[in-house]
């Protein structure tokens, strides 16, 4: 079981490394993490990578997601003197983007649900 988890970690880190390499080769600045997520999505979509290949690693990351926000929180606290005069705009941005994220998520869920219903009707 531990070897399986190590292989899954290797797959995820390999995709991240490939994302880093692609980001370095691009003639413009683009976040390697976004490239890596797109690569992972495309690999899963194409069937080259199965969910079972990364399930335990993904479950671990989801269960411990809050832990990964600690560095960001500490960085915000360290920069509090810079942010002091800009708290209201920062809170407004957080509120607006949260609402937009909820809206886009709800729309995506409705779209995927409708798509799944249509596919299941076509199969019958």
PDB file of N, CA and C in Angstrom:
ATOM      1  N   UNK A   1       0.819  -1.197   0.000  1.00  0.00           N
ATOM      2  CA  UNK A   1       0.000   0.000   0.000  1.00  0.00           C
ATOM      3  C   UNK A   1       0.862   1.260   0.000  1.00  0.00           C
ATOM      4  N   UNK A   2       1.972   1.251   0.744  1.00  0.00           N
ATOM      5  CA  UNK A   2       2.839   2.422   0.809  1.00  0.00           C
ATOM      6  C   UNK A   2       3.529   2.659  -0.530  1.00  0.00           C
ATOM      7  N   UNK A   3       3.867   1.578  -1.240  1.00  0.00           N
ATOM      8  CA  UNK A   3       4.504   1.719  -2.551  1.00  0.00           C
ATOM      9  C   UNK A   3       3.524   2.358  -3.528  1.00  0.00           C
ATOM     10  N   UNK A   4       2.252   1.957  -3.446  1.00  0.00           N
ATOM     11  CA  UNK A   4       1.220   2.517  -4.315  1.00  0.00           C
ATOM     12  C   UNK A   4       1.101   4.025  -4.101  1.00  0.00           C
ATOM     13  N   UNK A   5       1.129   4.457  -2.842  1.00  0.00           N
ATOM     14  CA  UNK A   5       1.050   5.885  -2.531  1.00  0.00           C
ATOM     15  C   UNK A   5       2.278   6.626  -3.058  1.00  0.00           C
ATOM     16  N   UNK A   6       3.444   6.014  -2.942  1.00  0.00           N
ATOM     17  CA  UNK A   6       4.666   6.636  -3.472  1.00  0.00           C
ATOM     18  C   UNK A   6       4.594   6.783  -4.990  1.00  0.00           C
ATOM     19  N   UNK A   7       4.041   5.782  -5.662  1.00  0.00           N
ATOM     20  CA  UNK A   7       3.875   5.871  -7.116  1.00  0.00           C
ATOM     21  C   UNK A   7       2.921   7.011  -7.459  1.00  0.00           C
ATOM     22  N   UNK A   8       1.829   7.142  -6.709  1.00  0.00           N
ATOM     23  CA  UNK A   8       0.871   8.214  -6.956  1.00  0.00           C
ATOM     24  C   UNK A   8       1.511   9.583  -6.733  1.00  0.00           C
ATOM     25  N   UNK A   9       2.301   9.701  -5.689  1.00  0.00           N
ATOM     26  CA  UNK A   9       3.016  10.959  -5.439  1.00  0.00           C
ATOM     27  C   UNK A   9       3.971  11.247  -6.587  1.00  0.00           C
ATOM     28  N   UNK A  10       4.638  10.209  -7.075  1.00  0.00           N
ATOM     29  CA  UNK A  10       5.547  10.364  -8.214  1.00  0.00           C
ATOM     30  C   UNK A  10       4.820  10.833  -9.458  1.00  0.00           C
ATOM     31  N   UNK A  11       3.627  10.303  -9.705  1.00  0.00           N
ATOM     32  CA  UNK A  11       2.837  10.725 -10.868  1.00  0.00           C
ATOM     33  C   UNK A  11       2.473  12.200 -10.754  1.00  0.00           C
ATOM     34  N   UNK A  12       1.988  12.592  -9.591  1.00  0.00           N
ATOM     35  CA  UNK A  12       1.581  13.995  -9.396  1.00  0.00           C
ATOM     36  C   UNK A  12       2.793  14.922  -9.500  1.00  0.00           C
ATOM     37  N   UNK A  13       3.902  14.561  -8.865  1.00  0.00           N
ATOM     38  CA  UNK A  13       5.107  15.395  -8.959  1.00  0.00           C
ATOM     39  C   UNK A  13       5.661  15.424 -10.380  1.00  0.00           C
ATOM     40  N   UNK A  14       5.536  14.316 -11.101  1.00  0.00           N
ATOM     41  CA  UNK A  14       5.977  14.281 -12.497  1.00  0.00           C
ATOM     42  C   UNK A  14       5.174  15.241 -13.354  1.00  0.00           C
ATOM     43  N   UNK A  15       3.861  15.273 -13.137  1.00  0.00           N
ATOM     44  CA  UNK A  15       3.008  16.212 -13.874  1.00  0.00           C
ATOM     45  C   UNK A  15       3.365  17.645 -13.496  1.00  0.00           C
ATOM     46  N   UNK A  16       3.640  17.878 -12.217  1.00  0.00           N
ATOM     47  CA  UNK A  16       4.051  19.226 -11.772  1.00  0.00           C
ATOM     48  C   UNK A  16       5.385  19.626 -12.402  1.00  0.00           C
ATOM     49  N   UNK A  17       6.306  18.697 -12.490  1.00  0.00           N
ATOM     50  CA  UNK A  17       7.606  18.973 -13.119  1.00  0.00           C
ATOM     51  C   UNK A  17       7.425  19.303 -14.592  1.00  0.00           C
ATOM     52  N   UNK A  18       6.577  18.539 -15.274  1.00  0.00           N
ATOM     53  CA  UNK A  18       6.297  18.815 -16.677  1.00  0.00           C
ATOM     54  C   UNK A  18       5.663  20.194 -16.845  1.00  0.00           C
ATOM     55  N   UNK A  19       4.773  20.559 -15.925  1.00  0.00           N
ATOM     56  CA  UNK A  19       4.175  21.896 -15.943  1.00  0.00           C
ATOM     57  C   UNK A  19       5.217  22.986 -15.760  1.00  0.00           C
ATOM     58  N   UNK A  20       6.185  22.750 -14.863  1.00  0.00           N
ATOM     59  CA  UNK A  20       7.281  23.709 -14.667  1.00  0.00           C
ATOM     60  C   UNK A  20       8.104  23.873 -15.945  1.00  0.00           C
ATOM     61  N   UNK A  21       8.411  22.747 -16.587  1.00  0.00           N
ATOM     62  CA  UNK A  21       9.210  22.800 -17.822  1.00  0.00           C
ATOM     63  C   UNK A  21       8.472  23.545 -18.929  1.00  0.00           C
ATOM     64  N   UNK A  22       7.189  23.276 -19.070  1.00  0.00           N
ATOM     65  CA  UNK A  22       6.395  23.964 -20.087  1.00  0.00           C
ATOM     66  C   UNK A  22       6.343  25.463 -19.797  1.00  0.00           C
ATOM     67  N   UNK A  23       6.172  25.828 -18.524  1.00  0.00           N
ATOM     68  CA  UNK A  23       6.121  27.248 -18.144  1.00  0.00           C
ATOM     69  C   UNK A  23       7.435  27.951 -18.476  1.00  0.00           C
ATOM     70  N   UNK A  24       8.555  27.254 -18.298  1.00  0.00           N
ATOM     71  CA  UNK A  24       9.863  27.840 -18.624  1.00  0.00           C
ATOM     72  C   UNK A  24      10.036  28.031 -20.132  1.00  0.00           C
ATOM     73  N   UNK A  25       9.441  27.141 -20.928  1.00  0.00           N
ATOM     74  CA  UNK A  25       9.587  27.204 -22.377  1.00  0.00           C
ATOM     75  C   UNK A  25       8.662  28.218 -23.042  1.00  0.00           C
ATOM     76  N   UNK A  26       7.589  28.589 -22.360  1.00  0.00           N
ATOM     77  CA  UNK A  26       6.641  29.539 -22.945  1.00  0.00           C
ATOM     78  C   UNK A  26       7.281  30.917 -23.084  1.00  0.00           C
ATOM     79  N   UNK A  27       6.942  31.636 -24.170  1.00  0.00           N
ATOM     80  CA  UNK A  27       7.514  32.977 -24.365  1.00  0.00           C
ATOM     81  C   UNK A  27       6.841  34.053 -23.504  1.00  0.00           C
ATOM     82  N   UNK A  28       5.858  33.669 -22.706  1.00  0.00           N
ATOM     83  CA  UNK A  28       5.166  34.596 -21.813  1.00  0.00           C
ATOM     84  C   UNK A  28       5.034  33.938 -20.439  1.00  0.00           C
ATOM     85  N   UNK A  29       4.737  34.752 -19.440  1.00  0.00           N
ATOM     86  CA  UNK A  29       4.627  34.244 -18.077  1.00  0.00           C
ATOM     87  C   UNK A  29       3.254  33.595 -17.901  1.00  0.00           C
ATOM     88  N   UNK A  30       3.263  32.360 -17.414  1.00  0.00           N
ATOM     89  CA  UNK A  30       2.029  31.621 -17.140  1.00  0.00           C
ATOM     90  C   UNK A  30       2.313  30.711 -15.962  1.00  0.00           C
ATOM     91  N   UNK A  31       1.426  30.650 -14.963  1.00  0.00           N
ATOM     92  CA  UNK A  31       1.688  29.861 -13.762  1.00  0.00           C
ATOM     93  C   UNK A  31       1.825  28.363 -14.079  1.00  0.00           C
ATOM     94  N   UNK A  32       2.904  27.787 -13.608  1.00  0.00           N
ATOM     95  CA  UNK A  32       3.142  26.360 -13.851  1.00  0.00           C
ATOM     96  C   UNK A  32       2.099  25.492 -13.158  1.00  0.00           C
ATOM     97  N   UNK A  33       1.548  25.967 -12.041  1.00  0.00           N
ATOM     98  CA  UNK A  33       0.517  25.184 -11.350  1.00  0.00           C
ATOM     99  C   UNK A  33      -0.737  25.057 -12.205  1.00  0.00           C
ATOM    100  N   UNK A  34      -1.083  26.111 -12.928  1.00  0.00           N
ATOM    101  CA  UNK A  34      -2.253  26.064 -13.815  1.00  0.00           C
ATOM    102  C   UNK A  34      -1.970  25.122 -14.983  1.00  0.00           C
ATOM    103  N   UNK A  35      -0.777  25.199 -15.523  1.00  0.00           N
ATOM    104  CA  UNK A  35      -0.382  24.292 -16.614  1.00  0.00           C
ATOM    105  C   UNK A  35      -0.458  22.849 -16.132  1.00  0.00           C
ATOM    106  N   UNK A  36       0.019  22.591 -14.927  1.00  0.00           N
ATOM    107  CA  UNK A  36      -0.005  21.235 -14.369  1.00  0.00           C
ATOM    108  C   UNK A  36      -1.437  20.739 -14.196  1.00  0.00           C
ATOM    109  N   UNK A  37      -2.333  21.608 -13.730  1.00  0.00           N
ATOM    110  CA  UNK A  37      -3.731  21.209 -13.569  1.00  0.00           C
ATOM    111  C   UNK A  37      -4.375  20.909 -14.919  1.00  0.00           C
ATOM    112  N   UNK A  38      -4.043  21.710 -15.927  1.00  0.00           N
ATOM    113  CA  UNK A  38      -4.565  21.463 -17.277  1.00  0.00           C
ATOM    114  C   UNK A  38      -4.037  20.133 -17.806  1.00  0.00           C
ATOM    115  N   UNK A  39      -2.749  19.876 -17.582  1.00  0.00           N
ATOM    116  CA  UNK A  39      -2.165  18.596 -18.002  1.00  0.00           C
ATOM    117  C   UNK A  39      -2.851  17.425 -17.317  1.00  0.00           C
ATOM    118  N   UNK A  40      -3.057  17.539 -16.014  1.00  0.00           N
ATOM    119  CA  UNK A  40      -3.726  16.482 -15.264  1.00  0.00           C
ATOM    120  C   UNK A  40      -5.138  16.264 -15.801  1.00  0.00           C
ATOM    121  N   UNK A  41      -5.851  17.338 -16.053  1.00  0.00           N
ATOM    122  CA  UNK A  41      -7.198  17.249 -16.602  1.00  0.00           C
ATOM    123  C   UNK A  41      -7.198  16.545 -17.955  1.00  0.00           C
ATOM    124  N   UNK A  42      -6.271  16.947 -18.827  1.00  0.00           N
ATOM    125  CA  UNK A  42      -6.201  16.340 -20.156  1.00  0.00           C
ATOM    126  C   UNK A  42      -5.816  14.862 -20.092  1.00  0.00           C
ATOM    127  N   UNK A  43      -4.913  14.521 -19.200  1.00  0.00           N
ATOM    128  CA  UNK A  43      -4.529  13.116 -19.038  1.00  0.00           C
ATOM    129  C   UNK A  43      -5.701  12.278 -18.544  1.00  0.00           C
ATOM    130  N   UNK A  44      -6.472  12.816 -17.604  1.00  0.00           N
ATOM    131  CA  UNK A  44      -7.649  12.104 -17.103  1.00  0.00           C
ATOM    132  C   UNK A  44      -8.727  12.016 -18.181  1.00  0.00           C
ATOM    133  N   UNK A  45      -8.918  13.097 -18.910  1.00  0.00           N
ATOM    134  CA  UNK A  45      -9.931  13.132 -19.956  1.00  0.00           C
ATOM    135  C   UNK A  45      -9.612  12.164 -21.086  1.00  0.00           C
ATOM    136  N   UNK A  46      -8.342  12.069 -21.436  1.00  0.00           N
ATOM    137  CA  UNK A  46      -7.926  11.191 -22.538  1.00  0.00           C
ATOM    138  C   UNK A  46      -7.906   9.718 -22.144  1.00  0.00           C
ATOM    139  N   UNK A  47      -7.879   9.443 -20.855  1.00  0.00           N
ATOM    140  CA  UNK A  47      -7.826   8.061 -20.391  1.00  0.00           C
ATOM    141  C   UNK A  47      -6.417   7.541 -20.208  1.00  0.00           C
ATOM    142  N   UNK A  48      -5.411   8.369 -20.528  1.00  0.00           N
ATOM    143  CA  UNK A  48      -4.027   7.948 -20.308  1.00  0.00           C
ATOM    144  C   UNK A  48      -3.739   7.772 -18.824  1.00  0.00           C
ATOM    145  N   UNK A  49      -4.435   8.548 -18.017  1.00  0.00           N
ATOM    146  CA  UNK A  49      -4.310   8.459 -16.563  1.00  0.00           C
ATOM    147  C   UNK A  49      -5.700   8.179 -16.006  1.00  0.00           C
ATOM    148  N   UNK A  50      -5.800   7.190 -15.161  1.00  0.00           N
ATOM    149  CA  UNK A  50      -7.077   6.831 -14.544  1.00  0.00           C
ATOM    150  C   UNK A  50      -7.143   7.444 -13.141  1.00  0.00           C
ATOM    151  N   UNK A  51      -8.357   7.701 -12.692  1.00  0.00           N
ATOM    152  CA  UNK A  51      -8.552   8.261 -11.354  1.00  0.00           C
ATOM    153  C   UNK A  51      -7.928   7.338 -10.306  1.00  0.00           C
ATOM    154  N   UNK A  52      -7.998   6.030 -10.534  1.00  0.00           N
ATOM    155  CA  UNK A  52      -7.431   5.064  -9.585  1.00  0.00           C
ATOM    156  C   UNK A  52      -5.922   5.233  -9.425  1.00  0.00           C
ATOM    157  N   UNK A  53      -5.277   5.792 -10.454  1.00  0.00           N
ATOM    158  CA  UNK A  53      -3.830   5.992 -10.389  1.00  0.00           C
ATOM    159  C   UNK A  53      -3.425   7.056  -9.371  1.00  0.00           C
ATOM    160  N   UNK A  54      -4.365   7.952  -9.035  1.00  0.00           N
ATOM    161  CA  UNK A  54      -4.025   9.056  -8.126  1.00  0.00           C
ATOM    162  C   UNK A  54      -5.064   9.235  -7.017  1.00  0.00           C
ATOM    163  N   UNK A  55      -5.944   8.259  -6.838  1.00  0.00           N
ATOM    164  CA  UNK A  55      -7.053   8.405  -5.884  1.00  0.00           C
ATOM    165  C   UNK A  55      -6.583   8.674  -4.452  1.00  0.00           C
ATOM    166  N   UNK A  56      -5.698   7.833  -3.900  1.00  0.00           N
ATOM    167  CA  UNK A  56      -5.276   8.003  -2.497  1.00  0.00           C
ATOM    168  C   UNK A  56      -4.551   9.331  -2.294  1.00  0.00           C
ATOM    169  N   UNK A  57      -3.721   9.706  -3.251  1.00  0.00           N
ATOM    170  CA  UNK A  57      -2.996  10.982  -3.157  1.00  0.00           C
ATOM    171  C   UNK A  57      -3.995  12.139  -3.187  1.00  0.00           C
ATOM    172  N   UNK A  58      -4.968  12.071  -4.091  1.00  0.00           N
ATOM    173  CA  UNK A  58      -5.992  13.112  -4.177  1.00  0.00           C
ATOM    174  C   UNK A  58      -6.831  13.198  -2.913  1.00  0.00           C
ATOM    175  N   UNK A  59      -7.219  12.033  -2.385  1.00  0.00           N
ATOM    176  CA  UNK A  59      -7.994  12.019  -1.139  1.00  0.00           C
ATOM    177  C   UNK A  59      -7.205  12.640   0.006  1.00  0.00           C
ATOM    178  N   UNK A  60      -5.918  12.316   0.089  1.00  0.00           N
ATOM    179  CA  UNK A  60      -5.065  12.889   1.136  1.00  0.00           C
ATOM    180  C   UNK A  60      -5.019  14.413   1.014  1.00  0.00           C
ATOM    181  N   UNK A  61      -4.813  14.908  -0.202  1.00  0.00           N
ATOM    182  CA  UNK A  61      -4.736  16.355  -0.399  1.00  0.00           C
ATOM    183  C   UNK A  61      -6.057  17.041  -0.060  1.00  0.00           C
ATOM    184  N   UNK A  62      -7.177  16.422  -0.439  1.00  0.00           N
ATOM    185  CA  UNK A  62      -8.475  17.017  -0.123  1.00  0.00           C
ATOM    186  C   UNK A  62      -8.752  17.028   1.376  1.00  0.00           C
ATOM    187  N   UNK A  63      -8.390  15.950   2.062  1.00  0.00           N
ATOM    188  CA  UNK A  63      -8.628  15.879   3.503  1.00  0.00           C
ATOM    189  C   UNK A  63      -7.772  16.882   4.270  1.00  0.00           C
ATOM    190  N   UNK A  64      -6.609  17.231   3.739  1.00  0.00           N
ATOM    191  CA  UNK A  64      -5.685  18.122   4.431  1.00  0.00           C
ATOM    192  C   UNK A  64      -5.565  19.482   3.751  1.00  0.00           C
ATOM    193  N   UNK A  65      -6.569  19.855   2.988  1.00  0.00           N
ATOM    194  CA  UNK A  65      -6.511  21.092   2.223  1.00  0.00           C
ATOM    195  C   UNK A  65      -6.304  22.327   3.109  1.00  0.00           C
ATOM    196  N   UNK A  66      -6.954  22.362   4.257  1.00  0.00           N
ATOM    197  CA  UNK A  66      -6.834  23.529   5.143  1.00  0.00           C
ATOM    198  C   UNK A  66      -5.385  23.768   5.550  1.00  0.00           C
ATOM    199  N   UNK A  67      -4.622  22.702   5.699  1.00  0.00           N
ATOM    200  CA  UNK A  67      -3.214  22.808   6.082  1.00  0.00           C
ATOM    201  C   UNK A  67      -2.421  23.634   5.069  1.00  0.00           C
ATOM    202  N   UNK A  68      -2.786  23.548   3.797  1.00  0.00           N
ATOM    203  CA  UNK A  68      -2.035  24.235   2.747  1.00  0.00           C
ATOM    204  C   UNK A  68      -2.323  25.732   2.689  1.00  0.00           C
ATOM    205  N   UNK A  69      -3.323  26.190   3.430  1.00  0.00           N
ATOM    206  CA  UNK A  69      -3.618  27.622   3.474  1.00  0.00           C
ATOM    207  C   UNK A  69      -2.861  28.334   4.603  1.00  0.00           C
ATOM    208  N   UNK A  70      -2.205  27.599   5.470  1.00  0.00           N
ATOM    209  CA  UNK A  70      -1.470  28.211   6.584  1.00  0.00           C
ATOM    210  C   UNK A  70      -0.390  29.175   6.091  1.00  0.00           C
ATOM    211  N   UNK A  71       0.464  28.806   5.114  1.00  0.00           N
ATOM    212  CA  UNK A  71       1.487  29.768   4.654  1.00  0.00           C
ATOM    213  C   UNK A  71       0.886  31.067   4.129  1.00  0.00           C
ATOM    214  N   UNK A  72      -0.233  30.992   3.429  1.00  0.00           N
ATOM    215  CA  UNK A  72      -0.877  32.207   2.919  1.00  0.00           C
ATOM    216  C   UNK A  72      -1.380  33.075   4.064  1.00  0.00           C
ATOM    217  N   UNK A  73      -1.976  32.447   5.070  1.00  0.00           N
ATOM    218  CA  UNK A  73      -2.462  33.191   6.235  1.00  0.00           C
ATOM    219  C   UNK A  73      -1.338  33.871   6.989  1.00  0.00           C
ATOM    220  N   UNK A  74      -0.231  33.163   7.158  1.00  0.00           N
ATOM    221  CA  UNK A  74       0.932  33.737   7.845  1.00  0.00           C
ATOM    222  C   UNK A  74       1.495  34.910   7.042  1.00  0.00           C
ATOM    223  N   UNK A  75       1.555  34.761   5.722  1.00  0.00           N
ATOM    224  CA  UNK A  75       2.059  35.846   4.872  1.00  0.00           C
ATOM    225  C   UNK A  75       1.171  37.077   4.982  1.00  0.00           C
ATOM    226  N   UNK A  76      -0.149  36.883   5.047  1.00  0.00           N
ATOM    227  CA  UNK A  76      -1.054  38.021   5.214  1.00  0.00           C
ATOM    228  C   UNK A  76      -0.830  38.717   6.552  1.00  0.00           C
ATOM    229  N   UNK A  77      -0.658  37.928   7.601  1.00  0.00           N
ATOM    230  CA  UNK A  77      -0.422  38.508   8.922  1.00  0.00           C
ATOM    231  C   UNK A  77       0.899  39.270   8.943  1.00  0.00           C
ATOM    232  N   UNK A  78       1.923  38.740   8.285  1.00  0.00           N
ATOM    233  CA  UNK A  78       3.224  39.423   8.238  1.00  0.00           C
ATOM    234  C   UNK A  78       3.144  40.747   7.485  1.00  0.00           C
ATOM    235  N   UNK A  79       2.240  40.860   6.528  1.00  0.00           N
ATOM    236  CA  UNK A  79       2.107  42.070   5.716  1.00  0.00           C
ATOM    237  C   UNK A  79       0.953  42.959   6.182  1.00  0.00           C
ATOM    238  N   UNK A  80       0.512  42.771   7.407  1.00  0.00           N
ATOM    239  CA  UNK A  80      -0.642  43.503   7.906  1.00  0.00           C
ATOM    240  C   UNK A  80      -0.426  45.016   7.872  1.00  0.00           C
ATOM    241  N   UNK A  81       0.774  45.489   8.117  1.00  0.00           N
ATOM    242  CA  UNK A  81       1.008  46.932   8.076  1.00  0.00           C
ATOM    243  C   UNK A  81       0.823  47.495   6.667  1.00  0.00           C
ATOM    244  N   UNK A  82       1.133  46.722   5.653  1.00  0.00           N
ATOM    245  CA  UNK A  82       0.929  47.142   4.265  1.00  0.00           C
ATOM    246  C   UNK A  82      -0.558  47.112   3.915  1.00  0.00           C
ATOM    247  N   UNK A  83      -1.264  46.136   4.449  1.00  0.00           N
ATOM    248  CA  UNK A  83      -2.676  45.954   4.120  1.00  0.00           C
ATOM    249  C   UNK A  83      -3.622  46.817   4.951  1.00  0.00           C
ATOM    250  N   UNK A  84      -3.108  47.428   6.020  1.00  0.00           N
ATOM    251  CA  UNK A  84      -3.967  48.151   6.965  1.00  0.00           C
ATOM    252  C   UNK A  84      -4.920  49.141   6.289  1.00  0.00           C
ATOM    253  N   UNK A  85      -4.442  49.948   5.399  1.00  0.00           N
ATOM    254  CA  UNK A  85      -5.280  50.944   4.744  1.00  0.00           C
ATOM    255  C   UNK A  85      -6.104  50.380   3.603  1.00  0.00           C
ATOM    256  N   UNK A  86      -5.899  49.121   3.284  1.00  0.00           N
ATOM    257  CA  UNK A  86      -6.576  48.527   2.123  1.00  0.00           C
ATOM    258  C   UNK A  86      -7.469  47.356   2.509  1.00  0.00           C
ATOM    259  N   UNK A  87      -7.886  47.295   3.745  1.00  0.00           N
ATOM    260  CA  UNK A  87      -8.702  46.173   4.220  1.00  0.00           C
ATOM    261  C   UNK A  87     -10.064  46.133   3.532  1.00  0.00           C
ATOM    262  N   UNK A  88     -10.744  47.272   3.423  1.00  0.00           N
ATOM    263  CA  UNK A  88     -12.073  47.280   2.808  1.00  0.00           C
ATOM    264  C   UNK A  88     -12.041  46.839   1.345  1.00  0.00           C
ATOM    265  N   UNK A  89     -11.132  47.381   0.514  1.00  0.00           N
ATOM    266  CA  UNK A  89     -11.079  46.865  -0.865  1.00  0.00           C
ATOM    267  C   UNK A  89     -10.743  45.377  -0.914  1.00  0.00           C
ATOM    268  N   UNK A  90      -9.862  44.919  -0.039  1.00  0.00           N
ATOM    269  CA  UNK A  90      -9.495  43.503  -0.002  1.00  0.00           C
ATOM    270  C   UNK A  90     -10.700  42.640   0.371  1.00  0.00           C
ATOM    271  N   UNK A  91     -11.456  43.055   1.370  1.00  0.00           N
ATOM    272  CA  UNK A  91     -12.658  42.318   1.764  1.00  0.00           C
ATOM    273  C   UNK A  91     -13.712  42.336   0.652  1.00  0.00           C
ATOM    274  N   UNK A  92     -13.829  43.476  -0.034  1.00  0.00           N
ATOM    275  CA  UNK A  92     -14.788  43.566  -1.144  1.00  0.00           C
ATOM    276  C   UNK A  92     -14.400  42.597  -2.264  1.00  0.00           C
ATOM    277  N   UNK A  93     -13.121  42.538  -2.578  1.00  0.00           N
ATOM    278  CA  UNK A  93     -12.636  41.611  -3.601  1.00  0.00           C
ATOM    279  C   UNK A  93     -12.908  40.170  -3.182  1.00  0.00           C
ATOM    280  N   UNK A  94     -12.646  39.853  -1.921  1.00  0.00           N
ATOM    281  CA  UNK A  94     -12.906  38.495  -1.421  1.00  0.00           C
ATOM    282  C   UNK A  94     -14.386  38.152  -1.515  1.00  0.00           C
ATOM    283  N   UNK A  95     -15.245  39.078  -1.145  1.00  0.00           N
ATOM    284  CA  UNK A  95     -16.681  38.847  -1.190  1.00  0.00           C
ATOM    285  C   UNK A  95     -17.165  38.652  -2.630  1.00  0.00           C
ATOM    286  N   UNK A  96     -16.739  39.538  -3.509  1.00  0.00           N
ATOM    287  CA  UNK A  96     -17.165  39.460  -4.913  1.00  0.00           C
ATOM    288  C   UNK A  96     -16.673  38.164  -5.563  1.00  0.00           C
ATOM    289  N   UNK A  97     -15.411  37.828  -5.354  1.00  0.00           N
ATOM    290  CA  UNK A  97     -14.889  36.609  -5.981  1.00  0.00           C
ATOM    291  C   UNK A  97     -15.514  35.346  -5.385  1.00  0.00           C
ATOM    292  N   UNK A  98     -15.867  35.383  -4.109  1.00  0.00           N
ATOM    293  CA  UNK A  98     -16.554  34.236  -3.502  1.00  0.00           C
ATOM    294  C   UNK A  98     -17.920  34.044  -4.142  1.00  0.00           C
ATOM    295  N   UNK A  99     -18.653  35.128  -4.297  1.00  0.00           N
ATOM    296  CA  UNK A  99     -19.977  35.051  -4.924  1.00  0.00           C
ATOM    297  C   UNK A  99     -19.846  34.570  -6.373  1.00  0.00           C
ATOM    298  N   UNK A 100     -18.883  35.124  -7.105  1.00  0.00           N
ATOM    299  CA  UNK A 100     -18.674  34.687  -8.489  1.00  0.00           C
ATOM    300  C   UNK A 100     -18.300  33.213  -8.565  1.00  0.00           C
ATOM    301  N   UNK A 101     -17.472  32.752  -7.642  1.00  0.00           N
ATOM    302  CA  UNK A 101     -17.080  31.346  -7.615  1.00  0.00           C
ATOM    303  C   UNK A 101     -18.287  30.459  -7.357  1.00  0.00           C
ATOM    304  N   UNK A 102     -19.142  30.849  -6.410  1.00  0.00           N
ATOM    305  CA  UNK A 102     -20.367  30.090  -6.141  1.00  0.00           C
ATOM    306  C   UNK A 102     -21.254  30.039  -7.392  1.00  0.00           C
ATOM    307  N   UNK A 103     -21.397  31.175  -8.062  1.00  0.00           N
ATOM    308  CA  UNK A 103     -22.251  31.234  -9.246  1.00  0.00           C
ATOM    309  C   UNK A 103     -21.707  30.348 -10.367  1.00  0.00           C
ATOM    310  N   UNK A 104     -20.428  30.446 -10.625  1.00  0.00           N
ATOM    311  CA  UNK A 104     -19.823  29.634 -11.683  1.00  0.00           C
ATOM    312  C   UNK A 104     -19.896  28.149 -11.330  1.00  0.00           C
ATOM    313  N   UNK A 105     -19.675  27.823 -10.062  1.00  0.00           N
ATOM    314  CA  UNK A 105     -19.778  26.426  -9.631  1.00  0.00           C
ATOM    315  C   UNK A 105     -21.200  25.901  -9.814  1.00  0.00           C
ATOM    316  N   UNK A 106     -22.179  26.688  -9.427  1.00  0.00           N
ATOM    317  CA  UNK A 106     -23.577  26.269  -9.575  1.00  0.00           C
ATOM    318  C   UNK A 106     -23.925  26.081 -11.048  1.00  0.00           C
ATOM    319  N   UNK A 107     -23.499  27.007 -11.888  1.00  0.00           N
ATOM    320  CA  UNK A 107     -23.756  26.895 -13.329  1.00  0.00           C
ATOM    321  C   UNK A 107     -23.082  25.646 -13.894  1.00  0.00           C
ATOM    322  N   UNK A 108     -21.854  25.379 -13.474  1.00  0.00           N
ATOM    323  CA  UNK A 108     -21.121  24.211 -13.962  1.00  0.00           C
ATOM    324  C   UNK A 108     -21.819  22.921 -13.531  1.00  0.00           C
ATOM    325  N   UNK A 109     -22.266  22.869 -12.299  1.00  0.00           N
ATOM    326  CA  UNK A 109     -22.976  21.677 -11.809  1.00  0.00           C
ATOM    327  C   UNK A 109     -24.256  21.456 -12.609  1.00  0.00           C
ATOM    328  N   UNK A 110     -25.004  22.521 -12.867  1.00  0.00           N
ATOM    329  CA  UNK A 110     -26.238  22.389 -13.653  1.00  0.00           C
ATOM    330  C   UNK A 110     -25.922  21.912 -15.071  1.00  0.00           C
ATOM    331  N   UNK A 111     -24.870  22.458 -15.659  1.00  0.00           N
ATOM    332  CA  UNK A 111     -24.484  22.081 -17.011  1.00  0.00           C
ATOM    333  C   UNK A 111     -24.057  20.616 -17.079  1.00  0.00           C
ATOM    334  N   UNK A 112     -23.233  20.196 -16.141  1.00  0.00           N
ATOM    335  CA  UNK A 112     -22.756  18.808 -16.117  1.00  0.00           C
ATOM    336  C   UNK A 112     -23.913  17.850 -15.841  1.00  0.00           C
ATOM    337  N   UNK A 113     -24.811  18.221 -14.934  1.00  0.00           N
ATOM    338  CA  UNK A 113     -25.971  17.377 -14.636  1.00  0.00           C
ATOM    339  C   UNK A 113     -26.849  17.212 -15.872  1.00  0.00           C
ATOM    340  N   UNK A 114     -27.095  18.301 -16.578  1.00  0.00           N
ATOM    341  CA  UNK A 114     -27.899  18.225 -17.806  1.00  0.00           C
ATOM    342  C   UNK A 114     -27.184  17.368 -18.852  1.00  0.00           C
ATOM    343  N   UNK A 115     -25.902  17.515 -18.946  1.00  0.00           N
ATOM    344  CA  UNK A 115     -25.093  16.742 -19.898  1.00  0.00           C
ATOM    345  C   UNK A 115     -25.165  15.248 -19.554  1.00  0.00           C
ATOM    346  N   UNK A 116     -25.048  14.921 -18.269  1.00  0.00           N
ATOM    347  CA  UNK A 116     -25.125  13.522 -17.845  1.00  0.00           C
ATOM    348  C   UNK A 116     -26.504  12.934 -18.125  1.00  0.00           C
ATOM    349  N   UNK A 117     -27.564  13.706 -17.889  1.00  0.00           N
ATOM    350  CA  UNK A 117     -28.920  13.228 -18.170  1.00  0.00           C
ATOM    351  C   UNK A 117     -29.099  12.966 -19.661  1.00  0.00           C
ATOM    352  N   UNK A 118     -28.579  13.867 -20.483  1.00  0.00           N
ATOM    353  CA  UNK A 118     -28.685  13.699 -21.922  1.00  0.00           C
ATOM    354  C   UNK A 118     -27.927  12.463 -22.381  1.00  0.00           C
ATOM    355  N   UNK A 119     -26.745  12.242 -21.836  1.00  0.00           N
ATOM    356  CA  UNK A 119     -25.959  11.062 -22.205  1.00  0.00           C
ATOM    357  C   UNK A 119     -26.639   9.777 -21.763  1.00  0.00           C
ATOM    358  N   UNK A 120     -27.229   9.782 -20.570  1.00  0.00           N
ATOM    359  CA  UNK A 120     -27.907   8.563 -20.086  1.00  0.00           C
ATOM    360  C   UNK A 120     -29.161   8.277 -20.924  1.00  0.00           C
ATOM    361  N   UNK A 121     -29.869   9.295 -21.421  1.00  0.00           N
ATOM    362  CA  UNK A 121     -31.029   9.087 -22.290  1.00  0.00           C
ATOM    363  C   UNK A 121     -30.610   8.529 -23.639  1.00  0.00           C
ATOM    364  N   UNK A 122     -29.455   8.977 -24.152  1.00  0.00           N
ATOM    365  CA  UNK A 122     -28.965   8.499 -25.446  1.00  0.00           C
ATOM    366  C   UNK A 122     -28.527   7.043 -25.357  1.00  0.00           C
ATOM    367  N   UNK A 123     -28.056   6.602 -24.197  1.00  0.00           N
ATOM    368  CA  UNK A 123     -27.601   5.233 -24.033  1.00  0.00           C
ATOM    369  C   UNK A 123     -28.759   4.251 -23.994  1.00  0.00           C
ATOM    370  N   UNK A 124     -29.936   4.703 -23.592  1.00  0.00           N
ATOM    371  CA  UNK A 124     -31.103   3.814 -23.454  1.00  0.00           C
ATOM    372  C   UNK A 124     -31.765   3.543 -24.756  1.00  0.00           C
TER     373      UNK A 124
END
